[in-house]
Amino acid sequence: AAGFLNKDAAAETIAAAISAAAEGRSLLDARAMAALLGQQTVAPAADAAGLTSREFDVIHLIAQGLSNQQIARELVLGMSTVKTHINHILAKTSCRDRAAVVSYAYENGLV
C-alpha cells in the first residue's frame, strides 16, 4: 500500500493519491494520519465549520507556511483548485486572510 484514504474520499483526492503513488510518494488522509499518530481525530472540529477533508489538508499546509504553489505540488492539484479550496476555507471559517486561517486552525485544534 502506498497510502490510505477514507471511504468518503472525493474523486479529486483519489486521483491525487494515484498520481502520488505513480511518482513513488504516498498520500495519507489527514484523519488517518491523526489516528495513526494516536491523536484525537480532528474531523469533528473540521466538520463543525463544514470543511471537507481536502480543505482540512489545505489548512494544515497553510499552517506550515506553504505557498499556494507548494500546496498544489504537495497535494498534486492545480493552482486554480488550491485557490478555490482557500476561498471555500475563508468563506466557511469567516476568515479574512491566510493568517486568520492559521489562527482559526490553532484555536480550533485543527493543527
N, C-alpha and C. Protein backbone atom coordinates (compact mmCIF):
# COMPACT_ATOMS: atom_id res chain seq x y z
N ALA A 1 0.85 -1.18 0.00
CA ALA A 1 0.00 0.00 0.00
C ALA A 1 0.89 1.24 0.00
N ALA A 2 0.50 2.21 -0.82
CA ALA A 2 1.27 3.44 -0.92
C ALA A 2 0.58 4.60 -0.20
N GLY A 3 -0.53 4.32 0.45
CA GLY A 3 -1.24 5.38 1.14
C GLY A 3 -2.56 4.87 1.68
N PHE A 4 -3.31 5.80 2.24
CA PHE A 4 -4.61 5.43 2.80
C PHE A 4 -5.56 6.60 2.65
N LEU A 5 -6.76 6.29 2.17
CA LEU A 5 -7.82 7.29 2.06
C LEU A 5 -9.04 6.76 2.80
N ASN A 6 -9.84 7.67 3.31
CA ASN A 6 -11.10 7.27 3.93
C ASN A 6 -12.09 6.91 2.84
N LYS A 7 -13.09 6.14 3.21
CA LYS A 7 -14.05 5.68 2.21
C LYS A 7 -14.88 6.81 1.59
N ASP A 8 -14.91 7.97 2.23
CA ASP A 8 -15.66 9.10 1.69
C ASP A 8 -14.77 10.08 0.91
N ALA A 9 -13.59 9.62 0.50
CA ALA A 9 -12.66 10.48 -0.23
C ALA A 9 -13.27 10.94 -1.55
N ALA A 10 -13.04 12.20 -1.86
CA ALA A 10 -13.54 12.78 -3.11
C ALA A 10 -12.74 12.23 -4.28
N ALA A 11 -13.35 12.28 -5.46
CA ALA A 11 -12.68 11.80 -6.67
C ALA A 11 -11.34 12.50 -6.87
N GLU A 12 -11.31 13.78 -6.56
CA GLU A 12 -10.07 14.57 -6.68
C GLU A 12 -8.98 14.02 -5.76
N THR A 13 -9.36 13.62 -4.57
CA THR A 13 -8.41 13.07 -3.61
C THR A 13 -7.89 11.72 -4.08
N ILE A 14 -8.78 10.92 -4.63
CA ILE A 14 -8.39 9.60 -5.16
C ILE A 14 -7.40 9.78 -6.31
N ALA A 15 -7.69 10.73 -7.20
CA ALA A 15 -6.79 10.99 -8.32
C ALA A 15 -5.42 11.45 -7.82
N ALA A 16 -5.41 12.30 -6.80
CA ALA A 16 -4.15 12.78 -6.23
C ALA A 16 -3.36 11.62 -5.63
N ALA A 17 -4.04 10.69 -4.98
CA ALA A 17 -3.38 9.54 -4.37
C ALA A 17 -2.77 8.63 -5.44
N ILE A 18 -3.49 8.45 -6.52
CA ILE A 18 -2.98 7.62 -7.62
C ILE A 18 -1.75 8.27 -8.24
N SER A 19 -1.82 9.58 -8.47
CA SER A 19 -0.67 10.30 -9.02
C SER A 19 0.53 10.23 -8.09
N ALA A 20 0.27 10.41 -6.81
CA ALA A 20 1.35 10.35 -5.82
C ALA A 20 2.00 8.97 -5.83
N ALA A 21 1.20 7.92 -5.86
CA ALA A 21 1.73 6.55 -5.87
C ALA A 21 2.56 6.31 -7.13
N ALA A 22 2.08 6.81 -8.26
CA ALA A 22 2.81 6.64 -9.52
C ALA A 22 4.17 7.33 -9.48
N GLU A 23 4.28 8.39 -8.68
CA GLU A 23 5.53 9.14 -8.54
C GLU A 23 6.39 8.59 -7.40
N GLY A 24 5.95 7.51 -6.77
CA GLY A 24 6.71 6.92 -5.69
C GLY A 24 6.48 7.56 -4.34
N ARG A 25 5.46 8.43 -4.26
CA ARG A 25 5.12 9.08 -2.99
C ARG A 25 3.88 8.42 -2.43
N SER A 26 3.55 8.76 -1.21
CA SER A 26 2.33 8.23 -0.62
C SER A 26 1.44 9.37 -0.16
N LEU A 27 0.17 9.09 -0.06
CA LEU A 27 -0.79 10.08 0.40
C LEU A 27 -1.59 9.45 1.53
N LEU A 28 -1.62 10.13 2.65
CA LEU A 28 -2.33 9.64 3.81
C LEU A 28 -3.34 10.68 4.22
N ASP A 29 -4.60 10.30 4.27
CA ASP A 29 -5.67 11.20 4.67
C ASP A 29 -5.36 11.78 6.04
N ALA A 30 -5.68 13.06 6.23
CA ALA A 30 -5.36 13.75 7.49
C ALA A 30 -5.99 13.06 8.69
N ARG A 31 -7.21 12.57 8.56
CA ARG A 31 -7.86 11.90 9.69
C ARG A 31 -7.16 10.58 10.00
N ALA A 32 -6.72 9.88 8.95
CA ALA A 32 -6.00 8.63 9.16
C ALA A 32 -4.66 8.90 9.83
N MET A 33 -3.99 9.98 9.39
CA MET A 33 -2.70 10.33 9.99
C MET A 33 -2.86 10.64 11.47
N ALA A 34 -3.90 11.38 11.82
CA ALA A 34 -4.14 11.70 13.22
C ALA A 34 -4.37 10.43 14.03
N ALA A 35 -5.12 9.50 13.47
CA ALA A 35 -5.39 8.25 14.17
C ALA A 35 -4.11 7.44 14.34
N LEU A 36 -3.28 7.40 13.29
CA LEU A 36 -2.03 6.65 13.36
C LEU A 36 -1.06 7.24 14.38
N LEU A 37 -1.10 8.55 14.52
CA LEU A 37 -0.22 9.21 15.47
C LEU A 37 -0.77 9.18 16.88
N GLY A 38 -1.94 8.56 17.04
CA GLY A 38 -2.53 8.44 18.36
C GLY A 38 -3.18 9.71 18.85
N GLN A 39 -3.43 10.64 17.93
CA GLN A 39 -4.07 11.89 18.30
C GLN A 39 -5.56 11.73 18.19
N GLN A 40 -6.26 12.56 18.91
CA GLN A 40 -7.71 12.56 18.80
C GLN A 40 -8.05 13.05 17.40
N THR A 41 -9.03 12.44 16.79
CA THR A 41 -9.41 12.82 15.44
C THR A 41 -9.84 14.27 15.38
N VAL A 42 -9.50 14.93 14.28
CA VAL A 42 -9.83 16.33 14.11
C VAL A 42 -11.08 16.51 13.27
N ALA A 43 -11.64 15.42 12.80
CA ALA A 43 -12.80 15.52 11.91
C ALA A 43 -13.96 16.30 12.53
N PRO A 44 -14.33 16.09 13.81
CA PRO A 44 -15.46 16.86 14.35
C PRO A 44 -15.25 18.36 14.31
N ALA A 45 -14.04 18.83 14.62
CA ALA A 45 -13.78 20.27 14.57
C ALA A 45 -13.88 20.78 13.15
N ALA A 46 -13.35 20.01 12.20
CA ALA A 46 -13.42 20.41 10.80
C ALA A 46 -14.86 20.37 10.32
N ASP A 47 -15.59 19.34 10.72
CA ASP A 47 -16.98 19.21 10.30
C ASP A 47 -17.84 20.34 10.85
N ALA A 48 -17.47 20.87 12.01
CA ALA A 48 -18.26 21.94 12.62
C ALA A 48 -18.34 23.16 11.71
N ALA A 49 -17.28 23.42 10.96
CA ALA A 49 -17.27 24.55 10.04
C ALA A 49 -17.72 24.12 8.65
N GLY A 50 -18.02 22.84 8.48
CA GLY A 50 -18.42 22.34 7.17
C GLY A 50 -17.24 22.13 6.24
N LEU A 51 -16.03 22.00 6.79
CA LEU A 51 -14.85 21.81 5.98
C LEU A 51 -14.76 20.37 5.47
N THR A 52 -14.33 20.22 4.23
CA THR A 52 -14.10 18.89 3.68
C THR A 52 -12.73 18.41 4.12
N SER A 53 -12.45 17.13 3.95
CA SER A 53 -11.14 16.61 4.32
C SER A 53 -10.04 17.26 3.48
N ARG A 54 -10.32 17.57 2.22
CA ARG A 54 -9.32 18.23 1.37
C ARG A 54 -9.08 19.66 1.86
N GLU A 55 -10.12 20.35 2.28
CA GLU A 55 -9.94 21.70 2.83
C GLU A 55 -9.12 21.63 4.11
N PHE A 56 -9.35 20.60 4.90
CA PHE A 56 -8.54 20.41 6.10
C PHE A 56 -7.08 20.22 5.72
N ASP A 57 -6.81 19.42 4.68
CA ASP A 57 -5.44 19.21 4.21
C ASP A 57 -4.80 20.54 3.83
N VAL A 58 -5.55 21.39 3.13
CA VAL A 58 -5.04 22.69 2.71
C VAL A 58 -4.75 23.58 3.93
N ILE A 59 -5.65 23.58 4.90
CA ILE A 59 -5.43 24.36 6.13
C ILE A 59 -4.13 23.91 6.81
N HIS A 60 -3.95 22.61 6.90
CA HIS A 60 -2.75 22.07 7.54
C HIS A 60 -1.49 22.59 6.84
N LEU A 61 -1.49 22.62 5.53
CA LEU A 61 -0.33 23.09 4.77
C LEU A 61 -0.16 24.60 4.86
N ILE A 62 -1.27 25.33 4.90
CA ILE A 62 -1.19 26.78 5.11
C ILE A 62 -0.53 27.05 6.46
N ALA A 63 -0.93 26.29 7.47
CA ALA A 63 -0.38 26.47 8.82
C ALA A 63 1.11 26.15 8.87
N GLN A 64 1.58 25.33 7.93
CA GLN A 64 3.01 25.02 7.85
C GLN A 64 3.77 26.10 7.08
N GLY A 65 3.03 27.09 6.55
CA GLY A 65 3.68 28.19 5.85
C GLY A 65 3.89 27.98 4.36
N LEU A 66 3.25 26.96 3.79
CA LEU A 66 3.42 26.70 2.37
C LEU A 66 2.66 27.71 1.51
N SER A 67 3.24 28.03 0.38
CA SER A 67 2.59 28.92 -0.59
C SER A 67 1.55 28.12 -1.38
N ASN A 68 0.73 28.82 -2.15
CA ASN A 68 -0.26 28.12 -2.99
C ASN A 68 0.43 27.15 -3.94
N GLN A 69 1.53 27.56 -4.52
CA GLN A 69 2.25 26.70 -5.46
C GLN A 69 2.78 25.45 -4.75
N GLN A 70 3.32 25.62 -3.56
CA GLN A 70 3.82 24.48 -2.79
C GLN A 70 2.68 23.55 -2.38
N ILE A 71 1.54 24.12 -2.02
CA ILE A 71 0.36 23.31 -1.67
C ILE A 71 -0.08 22.51 -2.89
N ALA A 72 -0.12 23.16 -4.04
CA ALA A 72 -0.52 22.47 -5.27
C ALA A 72 0.40 21.29 -5.56
N ARG A 73 1.70 21.50 -5.39
CA ARG A 73 2.66 20.41 -5.62
C ARG A 73 2.47 19.28 -4.60
N GLU A 74 2.33 19.66 -3.34
CA GLU A 74 2.21 18.67 -2.26
C GLU A 74 0.96 17.80 -2.42
N LEU A 75 -0.15 18.42 -2.80
CA LEU A 75 -1.42 17.69 -2.91
C LEU A 75 -1.73 17.24 -4.33
N VAL A 76 -0.81 17.49 -5.23
CA VAL A 76 -0.97 17.13 -6.65
C VAL A 76 -2.27 17.73 -7.19
N LEU A 77 -2.37 19.05 -7.06
CA LEU A 77 -3.54 19.79 -7.52
C LEU A 77 -3.09 20.93 -8.43
N GLY A 78 -4.02 21.47 -9.19
CA GLY A 78 -3.76 22.66 -9.98
C GLY A 78 -3.86 23.89 -9.09
N MET A 79 -3.21 24.95 -9.53
CA MET A 79 -3.24 26.20 -8.76
C MET A 79 -4.67 26.72 -8.58
N SER A 80 -5.48 26.63 -9.62
CA SER A 80 -6.85 27.14 -9.50
C SER A 80 -7.65 26.32 -8.49
N THR A 81 -7.38 25.04 -8.39
CA THR A 81 -8.06 24.20 -7.41
C THR A 81 -7.65 24.60 -5.99
N VAL A 82 -6.37 24.86 -5.79
CA VAL A 82 -5.89 25.29 -4.47
C VAL A 82 -6.56 26.61 -4.10
N LYS A 83 -6.59 27.55 -5.04
CA LYS A 83 -7.22 28.84 -4.78
C LYS A 83 -8.70 28.68 -4.45
N THR A 84 -9.37 27.77 -5.13
CA THR A 84 -10.78 27.51 -4.85
C THR A 84 -10.95 26.96 -3.44
N HIS A 85 -10.09 26.01 -3.06
CA HIS A 85 -10.16 25.46 -1.69
C HIS A 85 -9.93 26.57 -0.66
N ILE A 86 -8.96 27.43 -0.91
CA ILE A 86 -8.67 28.51 0.04
C ILE A 86 -9.86 29.46 0.14
N ASN A 87 -10.46 29.79 -0.98
CA ASN A 87 -11.65 30.66 -0.96
C ASN A 87 -12.79 30.02 -0.18
N HIS A 88 -12.97 28.70 -0.33
CA HIS A 88 -14.02 28.00 0.43
C HIS A 88 -13.69 28.02 1.92
N ILE A 89 -12.42 27.82 2.25
CA ILE A 89 -11.99 27.84 3.65
C ILE A 89 -12.25 29.21 4.25
N LEU A 90 -11.88 30.27 3.53
CA LEU A 90 -12.10 31.63 4.03
C LEU A 90 -13.58 31.88 4.27
N ALA A 91 -14.41 31.43 3.35
CA ALA A 91 -15.86 31.65 3.49
C ALA A 91 -16.44 30.84 4.65
N LYS A 92 -16.05 29.58 4.76
CA LYS A 92 -16.62 28.70 5.79
C LYS A 92 -16.17 29.08 7.20
N THR A 93 -14.97 29.62 7.30
CA THR A 93 -14.44 29.96 8.63
C THR A 93 -14.60 31.44 8.96
N SER A 94 -15.11 32.21 8.01
CA SER A 94 -15.27 33.66 8.17
C SER A 94 -13.94 34.35 8.43
N CYS A 95 -12.88 33.81 7.86
CA CYS A 95 -11.56 34.41 7.99
C CYS A 95 -11.32 35.37 6.82
N ARG A 96 -10.53 36.41 7.09
CA ARG A 96 -10.25 37.42 6.06
C ARG A 96 -9.03 37.09 5.23
N ASP A 97 -8.06 36.34 5.80
CA ASP A 97 -6.81 36.07 5.10
C ASP A 97 -6.18 34.80 5.65
N ARG A 98 -5.03 34.44 5.06
CA ARG A 98 -4.35 33.20 5.44
C ARG A 98 -3.92 33.22 6.91
N ALA A 99 -3.46 34.37 7.39
CA ALA A 99 -3.04 34.47 8.79
C ALA A 99 -4.20 34.16 9.72
N ALA A 100 -5.38 34.65 9.38
CA ALA A 100 -6.57 34.36 10.19
C ALA A 100 -6.92 32.88 10.12
N VAL A 101 -6.69 32.25 8.97
CA VAL A 101 -6.95 30.81 8.84
C VAL A 101 -6.03 30.03 9.77
N VAL A 102 -4.76 30.42 9.82
CA VAL A 102 -3.81 29.74 10.71
C VAL A 102 -4.26 29.89 12.16
N SER A 103 -4.64 31.10 12.54
CA SER A 103 -5.13 31.35 13.89
C SER A 103 -6.36 30.50 14.17
N TYR A 104 -7.29 30.47 13.24
CA TYR A 104 -8.51 29.67 13.38
C TYR A 104 -8.17 28.19 13.56
N ALA A 105 -7.22 27.72 12.77
CA ALA A 105 -6.85 26.31 12.82
C ALA A 105 -6.28 25.95 14.19
N TYR A 106 -5.43 26.80 14.73
CA TYR A 106 -4.85 26.51 16.05
C TYR A 106 -5.89 26.64 17.17
N GLU A 107 -6.72 27.65 17.08
CA GLU A 107 -7.75 27.85 18.11
C GLU A 107 -8.77 26.72 18.15
N ASN A 108 -9.00 26.08 17.01
CA ASN A 108 -10.00 25.03 16.93
C ASN A 108 -9.40 23.63 16.89
N GLY A 109 -8.10 23.53 17.17
CA GLY A 109 -7.46 22.22 17.25
C GLY A 109 -7.34 21.49 15.94
N LEU A 110 -7.32 22.21 14.84
CA LEU A 110 -7.22 21.56 13.53
C LEU A 110 -5.78 21.22 13.17
N VAL A 111 -4.84 21.91 13.80
CA VAL A 111 -3.42 21.62 13.57
C VAL A 111 -2.70 21.58 14.90
